[in-house]
Amino acid sequence: MAKPHLIIGNKNYSSWSFRPWLAMAEGGIDFDETVSPFDEPNHNKHFFEFSPVGRVPVLQHDGLLLWESLAIMEYLADAFPDAGLWPDDIGERAKARVIAHEMHAGFTSLRGSCPMNMRRPVAALEVDEGVHKDVRRITDIWCEALDASGGPFLFGRFTNADAMYAPVVNRLNVYDLTDDSGARSYMNTMMGLATWKSWETEGRNEPWIVEEDEA
């Protein structure tokens, strides 16, 4: 089997790229990556060279071309079962998928007001009630899952559910959006991962600036 090839955007900003990248890295999947920087003034037209929808990430593997982060992660769980990207128990797996899909479809206020930004210094940002509502729901999801599993990740070991919420960990940290002790403990666990630190370091060292993502 050939190695998967993941094409991603800037590591500093690309939240949707971060998700499958972290899933593969934490799952021990050997893969190649290509960083294709955002070109916002030209509407990222170069993405159409490898993506039918003009967005990142894109996964190329064994003749397949896949886009949409969560679909990529579902495929990786099937193609690399030893990576353990979903919980083993059918009920827990269903719960993990539910909260992963809630992340995929929701929290638009948080995502719109507080872009992922690995190099942003930690500093509070004035946000509206929509953002606070999203943060409350996210911390509820995390704390309920951690209480049920015992942690340190949402379902005990690292899974796709954790990967889906990884960019949110960055947002809640750099914009100083929560003082919940359970959420903070989980955030510290995620940010302490060697894979997280590798992505963050490379993101911080990138030369590119996307002004609209500099909240």
Foldseek 3Di string as FASTA:
>chain_A
DDAKEKEFEQLFFGLLSQLVVVLCVQLVGDHHYHYDYDDVVVPQVVLVVQDVVSHDIWMDDPNDIDHDRVVVQVVCCVVPVSSVQAPPDPVRRVLLVVLLVCLVPDLVQLCQPATRGLQAAAEADDGDVSNLVSVVVVVVQQVVQCVVCVDPGSNHDHHSSCSSCLSVLRRCGRNVNDPDPSSVSNSCVSCPDPSNVVSSVSSNPDPDDDPSNPD
